[in-house]
Amino acid sequence: MATWKMISFQDAVSPVMEQLIMFHDHTMMILIMITTTVIYMMISLMLSKINNRMLLEGQMIELIWTIMPAVLLIIIALPSLKILYMLDEMNKPLITLKAIGHQWFWSYEYSDFKKIEFESYMKQTNDINNNEFRLLEVDNRIAMPFNVKSRILVTSYDVIHSWTIPALGIKIDASPGRINQGSIFMTRPGLFFGQCSEICGANHSFMPITLESIDMKSFMEWIKKF
């Protein structure tokens, strides 16, 4: 989860998030090189006392500064397209989870199992335990198995919400009258937190998401409790 001193991404728990972090680092290196070069050239021009008043055109340099940005854009675009295809790819998901946004809580349905529906409210400060996080802990957590391809369907009952878990690299808008789809594939167990990322009203900041990644055996035991 994110802490007050974190200036980078959360640790990735899915292949998609790993690729997003790599793409961010890849793009930042290119931007740093461009910025450094431009600053160096600007300072050199300002400090130089040599000028050419008769210079009207420079076709070679114009050709270079037209081709170079095009090449850099291609270098950035190719990995970006790869990640877009990864986000949309979904091959025979084993489990389907449906998340419904309300003002101001989430409700969940496990479509593959009968009568597994529950609502998830944020725990009040007076109810949280010493090992729980304020404004992030809920009364009913989502449980999903890791190393299993899963699908999540997101919609809304009233206004637009956004179901987001940064560690998974997933952010899906919950729009009323529309079902949006995303894929989940977690690589390790753990507890992962998210929040609604679309301003949805007065209590927008108080509808967190808590997902518990467990093994398949523990997941089946959890299912039997309903």
Protein backbone atom coordinates (compact mmCIF):
# COMPACT_ATOMS: atom_id res chain seq x y z
CA MET A 1 0.00 0.00 0.00
CA ALA A 2 1.02 3.64 -0.39
CA THR A 3 2.54 5.51 2.56
CA TRP A 4 3.12 9.21 3.20
CA LYS A 5 6.80 9.04 2.17
CA MET A 6 6.29 7.06 -1.05
CA ILE A 7 7.23 8.98 -4.20
CA SER A 8 7.10 6.06 -6.61
CA PHE A 9 4.66 3.31 -7.55
CA GLN A 10 3.42 0.63 -5.21
CA ASP A 11 5.04 -2.80 -5.55
CA ALA A 12 3.54 -4.60 -8.54
CA VAL A 13 1.41 -7.65 -7.89
CA SER A 14 0.34 -8.35 -11.47
CA PRO A 15 2.16 -8.65 -14.82
CA VAL A 16 0.27 -5.62 -16.14
CA MET A 17 1.50 -3.40 -13.30
CA GLU A 18 5.06 -4.64 -13.82
CA GLN A 19 4.85 -3.61 -17.48
CA LEU A 20 3.35 -0.22 -16.55
CA ILE A 21 6.25 0.49 -14.18
CA MET A 22 8.79 -0.54 -16.83
CA PHE A 23 7.06 1.67 -19.40
CA HIS A 24 7.09 4.60 -16.97
CA ASP A 25 10.85 4.19 -16.38
CA HIS A 26 11.46 3.78 -20.13
CA THR A 27 9.58 6.99 -20.93
CA MET A 28 11.13 8.96 -18.08
CA MET A 29 14.65 8.15 -19.30
CA ILE A 30 13.80 9.51 -22.75
CA LEU A 31 12.23 12.65 -21.27
CA ILE A 32 15.24 13.26 -19.01
CA MET A 33 17.62 12.97 -21.99
CA ILE A 34 15.52 15.39 -24.06
CA THR A 35 15.19 17.89 -21.19
CA THR A 36 18.91 17.77 -20.42
CA THR A 37 19.83 18.31 -24.08
CA VAL A 38 17.44 21.24 -24.50
CA ILE A 39 18.63 22.93 -21.27
CA TYR A 40 22.27 22.49 -22.33
CA MET A 41 21.58 24.02 -25.75
CA MET A 42 19.67 26.96 -24.26
CA ILE A 43 22.43 27.74 -21.78
CA SER A 44 25.09 27.42 -24.50
CA LEU A 45 23.20 29.86 -26.74
CA MET A 46 22.72 32.37 -23.93
CA LEU A 47 26.40 32.29 -22.89
CA SER A 48 27.81 32.28 -26.41
CA LYS A 49 28.84 35.61 -27.90
CA ILE A 50 29.03 34.19 -31.43
CA ASN A 51 26.06 34.69 -33.76
CA ASN A 52 25.36 34.47 -37.47
CA ARG A 53 23.16 37.32 -38.68
CA MET A 54 23.20 36.04 -42.26
CA LEU A 55 21.79 32.59 -41.47
CA LEU A 56 18.42 32.18 -43.23
CA GLU A 57 17.94 28.41 -43.36
CA GLY A 58 19.54 25.14 -42.33
CA GLN A 59 17.91 22.26 -44.13
CA MET A 60 20.09 19.58 -42.55
CA ILE A 61 19.38 20.61 -38.96
CA GLU A 62 15.67 21.01 -39.78
CA LEU A 63 15.64 17.50 -41.20
CA ILE A 64 17.34 16.14 -38.07
CA TRP A 65 14.97 17.84 -35.60
CA THR A 66 12.00 16.56 -37.59
CA ILE A 67 13.17 12.93 -37.85
CA MET A 68 14.49 12.57 -34.30
CA PRO A 69 11.17 13.37 -32.53
CA ALA A 70 9.36 10.98 -34.88
CA VAL A 71 11.80 8.18 -34.00
CA LEU A 72 11.43 8.91 -30.28
CA LEU A 73 7.64 8.82 -30.54
CA ILE A 74 7.82 5.41 -32.20
CA ILE A 75 10.14 4.15 -29.43
CA ILE A 76 7.58 5.30 -26.86
CA ALA A 77 4.49 4.13 -28.77
CA LEU A 78 5.49 0.50 -29.37
CA PRO A 79 5.66 -0.58 -25.69
CA SER A 80 2.56 1.51 -25.02
CA LEU A 81 0.59 -0.47 -27.61
CA LYS A 82 1.85 -3.73 -26.09
CA ILE A 83 0.48 -2.74 -22.67
CA LEU A 84 -2.87 -1.69 -24.17
CA TYR A 85 -3.25 -5.14 -25.70
CA MET A 86 -2.29 -6.75 -22.38
CA LEU A 87 -4.99 -4.75 -20.59
CA ASP A 88 -7.66 -5.94 -23.02
CA GLU A 89 -6.50 -9.55 -23.24
CA MET A 90 -8.70 -12.06 -21.43
CA ASN A 91 -8.50 -15.76 -22.23
CA LYS A 92 -11.05 -18.01 -20.48
CA PRO A 93 -11.23 -16.43 -16.99
CA LEU A 94 -11.87 -18.95 -14.21
CA ILE A 95 -13.67 -16.60 -11.82
CA THR A 96 -15.93 -13.61 -12.44
CA LEU A 97 -16.41 -10.86 -9.87
CA LYS A 98 -19.00 -8.11 -10.29
CA ALA A 99 -18.48 -4.78 -8.49
CA ILE A 100 -21.35 -2.28 -8.21
CA GLY A 101 -20.72 1.27 -7.05
CA HIS A 102 -23.21 3.04 -4.76
CA GLN A 103 -23.21 6.33 -2.92
CA TRP A 104 -21.05 5.59 -0.97
CA PHE A 105 -20.07 1.93 -0.76
CA TRP A 106 -19.36 -1.05 -3.01
CA SER A 107 -21.39 -4.22 -3.40
CA TYR A 108 -20.01 -7.42 -4.90
CA GLU A 109 -21.37 -10.50 -6.61
CA TYR A 110 -19.53 -13.73 -7.44
CA SER A 111 -21.35 -14.68 -10.64
CA ASP A 112 -19.95 -18.23 -10.77
CA PHE A 113 -21.41 -19.16 -7.38
CA LYS A 114 -25.01 -19.06 -6.19
CA LYS A 115 -26.17 -16.35 -3.81
CA ILE A 116 -22.76 -14.92 -2.99
CA GLU A 117 -23.50 -11.23 -2.68
CA PHE A 118 -22.38 -8.76 -0.04
CA GLU A 119 -21.87 -5.07 0.59
CA SER A 120 -18.55 -3.55 1.58
CA TYR A 121 -18.54 -0.44 3.78
CA MET A 122 -15.60 1.45 5.17
CA LYS A 123 -14.90 0.64 8.81
CA GLN A 124 -15.40 3.57 11.16
CA THR A 125 -12.35 4.79 13.07
CA ASN A 126 -13.73 3.51 16.37
CA ASP A 127 -14.13 -0.02 14.95
CA ILE A 128 -10.70 -0.61 13.42
CA ASN A 129 -8.09 -2.79 15.13
CA ASN A 130 -4.47 -1.87 15.80
CA ASN A 131 -3.24 -3.77 12.72
CA GLU A 132 -5.78 -2.21 10.35
CA PHE A 133 -5.54 0.98 8.29
CA ARG A 134 -7.80 3.96 8.84
CA LEU A 135 -9.96 4.95 5.83
CA LEU A 136 -8.83 1.82 3.93
CA GLU A 137 -10.25 -1.08 5.94
CA VAL A 138 -13.74 -2.44 5.12
CA ASP A 139 -16.17 -4.68 6.97
CA ASN A 140 -16.32 -7.24 4.13
CA ARG A 141 -13.16 -7.83 2.09
CA ILE A 142 -13.05 -9.27 -1.41
CA ALA A 143 -11.22 -12.59 -1.60
CA MET A 144 -9.63 -13.74 -4.85
CA PRO A 145 -7.15 -16.57 -5.58
CA PHE A 146 -3.70 -15.72 -6.91
CA ASN A 147 -2.17 -17.30 -10.04
CA VAL A 148 -5.69 -17.60 -11.45
CA LYS A 149 -7.10 -15.64 -14.39
CA SER A 150 -10.11 -13.70 -13.15
CA ARG A 151 -12.52 -11.23 -14.68
CA ILE A 152 -14.12 -8.23 -13.03
CA LEU A 153 -17.29 -6.55 -14.25
CA VAL A 154 -17.86 -3.02 -12.96
CA THR A 155 -21.03 -0.95 -13.05
CA SER A 156 -22.81 1.67 -10.95
CA TYR A 157 -26.19 1.98 -9.31
CA ASP A 158 -26.37 5.78 -9.26
CA VAL A 159 -23.47 8.04 -10.37
CA ILE A 160 -20.07 7.43 -11.96
CA HIS A 161 -17.53 5.74 -9.68
CA SER A 162 -14.14 4.19 -10.45
CA TRP A 163 -12.92 0.83 -9.11
CA THR A 164 -9.17 1.14 -8.62
CA ILE A 165 -6.39 -0.92 -7.05
CA PRO A 166 -2.98 0.65 -7.87
CA ALA A 167 -0.90 -2.44 -7.01
CA LEU A 168 -2.80 -4.42 -9.65
CA GLY A 169 -2.55 -1.67 -12.26
CA ILE A 170 -6.32 -1.70 -12.64
CA LYS A 171 -8.71 1.26 -12.87
CA ILE A 172 -12.20 0.70 -14.29
CA ASP A 173 -14.96 3.31 -14.49
CA ALA A 174 -18.30 2.31 -12.97
CA SER A 175 -20.94 3.97 -15.12
CA PRO A 176 -24.69 3.60 -14.51
CA GLY A 177 -26.38 1.52 -17.22
CA ARG A 178 -23.07 0.23 -18.54
CA ILE A 179 -20.85 -2.74 -17.65
CA ASN A 180 -17.10 -2.32 -18.05
CA GLN A 181 -14.74 -5.29 -17.97
CA GLY A 182 -11.23 -5.86 -16.71
CA SER A 183 -8.88 -8.73 -15.96
CA ILE A 184 -7.12 -9.65 -12.71
CA PHE A 185 -4.11 -11.92 -12.39
CA MET A 186 -2.26 -11.73 -9.09
CA THR A 187 1.15 -13.34 -8.68
CA ARG A 188 1.40 -13.52 -4.90
CA PRO A 189 -0.75 -13.49 -1.74
CA GLY A 190 -1.34 -10.33 0.21
CA LEU A 191 -3.72 -7.56 1.12
CA PHE A 192 -4.19 -4.80 -1.45
CA PHE A 193 -6.04 -1.52 -1.07
CA GLY A 194 -7.74 0.87 -3.44
CA GLN A 195 -10.23 3.70 -3.42
CA CYS A 196 -12.88 5.19 -5.67
CA SER A 197 -11.01 7.34 -8.18
CA GLU A 198 -13.92 9.33 -9.59
CA ILE A 199 -15.41 12.21 -7.61
CA CYS A 200 -18.88 10.85 -6.85
CA GLY A 201 -20.24 13.10 -4.12
CA ALA A 202 -19.83 14.11 -0.50
CA ASN A 203 -18.45 10.79 0.76
CA HIS A 204 -16.27 10.03 -2.25
CA SER A 205 -13.20 9.64 -0.02
CA PHE A 206 -14.90 7.06 2.18
CA MET A 207 -15.58 4.10 -0.11
CA PRO A 208 -12.34 2.08 -0.08
CA ILE A 209 -11.64 -1.27 -1.75
CA THR A 210 -9.84 -4.06 0.09
CA LEU A 211 -8.81 -7.19 -1.82
CA GLU A 212 -7.30 -10.22 -0.14
CA SER A 213 -5.21 -12.48 -2.38
CA ILE A 214 -5.26 -16.08 -1.11
CA ASP A 215 -4.54 -19.56 -2.44
CA MET A 216 -7.25 -21.58 -4.18
CA LYS A 217 -7.84 -23.92 -1.22
CA SER A 218 -8.42 -21.00 1.17
CA PHE A 219 -10.65 -19.35 -1.44
CA MET A 220 -12.88 -22.43 -1.70
CA GLU A 221 -13.14 -22.59 2.09
CA TRP A 222 -14.09 -18.90 2.12
CA ILE A 223 -16.79 -19.56 -0.51
CA LYS A 224 -18.31 -22.35 1.60
CA LYS A 225 -19.01 -19.89 4.42
CA PHE A 226 -21.81 -18.26 2.41
